[in-house]
Amino acid sequence: MTAQITWKAEDFPCNLVLSIPFPTKHLAATAERALSVDAELSPLVRRSFQLAHSPESSEANILQVNYAATTNRMLRVAVNGFIESVGVVIGVMKDLDVDVVYTPVTEGLEGVQGLDTSKVKG
């Protein structure tokens, strides 16, 4: 079990809340899990995540990221790096669209390198 690190709000006076909308709660939660793996590198920055409801939806499809830092510069540097990571996560979500997974396959497996199609049941 990891120890909870407590900190005083007055030690981190520079704050920013990012609200990143996603089409579904599932995608927002997936982004949260992917992005929360990387801890903040600087002890001068704190970050927390939560899922929030959008006014248009009954599900929590907004990823809310709360940042606190000791200086505006530290806040800017941390958020810039985080925005790059968000771009990567969204790009992967776009490229690996979940609708593609559930669409019936219309192409054959002929010509796939290293695949013996005589063993594939069709």
Protein backbone atom coordinates (compact mmCIF):
# COMPACT_ATOMS: atom_id res chain seq x y z
CA MET A 1 0.00 0.00 0.00
CA THR A 2 1.39 3.42 -0.93
CA ALA A 3 1.60 6.19 1.61
CA GLN A 4 -0.70 9.15 1.05
CA ILE A 5 1.31 12.33 0.54
CA THR A 6 -0.34 15.31 2.13
CA TRP A 7 0.40 18.85 1.12
CA LYS A 8 -0.75 22.30 2.10
CA ALA A 9 -2.70 24.34 -0.44
CA GLU A 10 -0.76 27.48 0.52
CA ASP A 11 2.47 25.78 -0.59
CA PHE A 12 1.00 25.35 -4.10
CA PRO A 13 -0.69 28.68 -4.88
CA CYS A 14 -0.77 28.36 -8.69
CA ASN A 15 -3.77 26.30 -9.79
CA LEU A 16 -5.37 25.18 -13.02
CA VAL A 17 -8.29 22.88 -13.81
CA LEU A 18 -8.41 21.23 -17.23
CA SER A 19 -11.73 19.80 -18.42
CA ILE A 20 -11.29 17.41 -21.33
CA PRO A 21 -14.57 16.14 -22.83
CA PHE A 22 -14.84 12.65 -24.32
CA PRO A 23 -17.70 11.11 -26.30
CA THR A 24 -18.32 8.46 -23.62
CA LYS A 25 -17.61 7.70 -19.98
CA HIS A 26 -15.63 4.65 -21.07
CA LEU A 27 -13.21 6.73 -23.15
CA ALA A 28 -12.84 9.31 -20.36
CA ALA A 29 -12.05 6.56 -17.83
CA THR A 30 -9.61 4.94 -20.25
CA ALA A 31 -7.80 8.25 -20.71
CA GLU A 32 -7.69 8.74 -16.94
CA ARG A 33 -6.10 5.32 -16.43
CA ALA A 34 -3.58 5.88 -19.23
CA LEU A 35 -2.58 9.36 -18.08
CA SER A 36 -2.47 8.72 -14.34
CA VAL A 37 0.27 6.10 -14.69
CA ASP A 38 2.96 8.76 -15.06
CA ALA A 39 3.59 10.60 -11.81
CA GLU A 40 4.58 14.25 -11.86
CA LEU A 41 8.37 14.47 -12.06
CA SER A 42 8.70 17.57 -9.93
CA PRO A 43 7.94 17.70 -6.21
CA LEU A 44 6.83 21.28 -6.88
CA VAL A 45 3.73 20.15 -8.80
CA ARG A 46 0.64 18.21 -7.70
CA ARG A 47 -1.97 16.68 -10.00
CA SER A 48 -5.23 14.83 -9.45
CA PHE A 49 -7.87 13.33 -11.74
CA GLN A 50 -11.62 12.92 -11.55
CA LEU A 51 -14.45 12.19 -13.93
CA ALA A 52 -17.16 14.85 -14.15
CA HIS A 53 -20.59 15.06 -15.74
CA SER A 54 -21.15 17.31 -18.71
CA PRO A 55 -24.38 19.35 -18.83
CA GLU A 56 -25.41 17.57 -22.04
CA SER A 57 -24.84 14.03 -20.73
CA SER A 58 -25.96 11.95 -17.80
CA GLU A 59 -22.64 10.10 -17.75
CA ALA A 60 -19.29 11.28 -16.39
CA ASN A 61 -17.60 11.80 -19.75
CA ILE A 62 -15.35 14.74 -18.83
CA LEU A 63 -11.85 14.08 -17.56
CA GLN A 64 -11.07 16.80 -15.06
CA VAL A 65 -7.42 17.31 -14.19
CA ASN A 66 -6.55 19.53 -11.24
CA TYR A 67 -3.06 21.00 -11.16
CA ALA A 68 -1.35 22.86 -8.34
CA ALA A 69 2.22 24.18 -8.42
CA THR A 70 4.56 26.39 -6.49
CA THR A 71 5.12 28.81 -9.37
CA ASN A 72 3.43 29.71 -12.63
CA ARG A 73 6.48 28.48 -14.52
CA MET A 74 6.32 25.05 -12.89
CA LEU A 75 2.60 24.91 -13.66
CA ARG A 76 3.19 25.82 -17.31
CA VAL A 77 5.95 23.24 -17.77
CA ALA A 78 3.89 20.46 -16.16
CA VAL A 79 0.74 21.28 -18.14
CA ASN A 80 2.66 21.52 -21.43
CA GLY A 81 4.02 18.01 -20.95
CA PHE A 82 0.61 16.74 -19.91
CA ILE A 83 -1.07 18.22 -23.00
CA GLU A 84 1.41 16.35 -25.19
CA SER A 85 0.48 13.11 -23.41
CA VAL A 86 -3.23 13.85 -23.86
CA GLY A 87 -2.61 14.29 -27.58
CA VAL A 88 -0.94 10.88 -27.76
CA VAL A 89 -3.78 9.18 -25.84
CA ILE A 90 -6.46 10.78 -28.01
CA GLY A 91 -4.50 9.91 -31.15
CA VAL A 92 -4.32 6.26 -30.11
CA MET A 93 -8.04 6.27 -29.30
CA LYS A 94 -8.74 7.70 -32.74
CA ASP A 95 -6.50 5.19 -34.51
CA LEU A 96 -7.85 2.24 -32.52
CA ASP A 97 -11.48 3.31 -32.62
CA VAL A 98 -13.58 0.85 -30.60
CA ASP A 99 -16.16 0.68 -33.41
CA VAL A 100 -13.52 -0.96 -35.59
CA VAL A 101 -13.15 -3.82 -33.10
CA TYR A 102 -16.84 -4.75 -33.33
CA THR A 103 -17.27 -4.30 -37.09
CA PRO A 104 -17.56 -7.62 -38.96
CA VAL A 105 -14.40 -8.52 -40.85
CA THR A 106 -14.85 -8.38 -44.62
CA GLU A 107 -11.25 -9.02 -45.68
CA GLY A 108 -9.51 -12.38 -45.84
CA LEU A 109 -6.23 -13.33 -44.21
CA GLU A 110 -4.54 -14.37 -47.45
CA GLY A 111 -1.09 -12.91 -47.80
CA VAL A 112 -0.54 -12.19 -44.11
CA GLN A 113 3.12 -12.81 -43.42
CA GLY A 114 3.78 -15.88 -41.28
CA LEU A 115 0.13 -17.01 -41.20
CA ASP A 116 -0.72 -20.53 -42.30
CA THR A 117 -4.30 -20.05 -43.56
CA SER A 118 -4.83 -23.81 -43.87
CA LYS A 119 -5.20 -23.87 -40.04
CA VAL A 120 -7.63 -20.95 -39.89
CA LYS A 121 -11.26 -21.96 -39.64
CA GLY A 122 -13.44 -19.84 -41.82
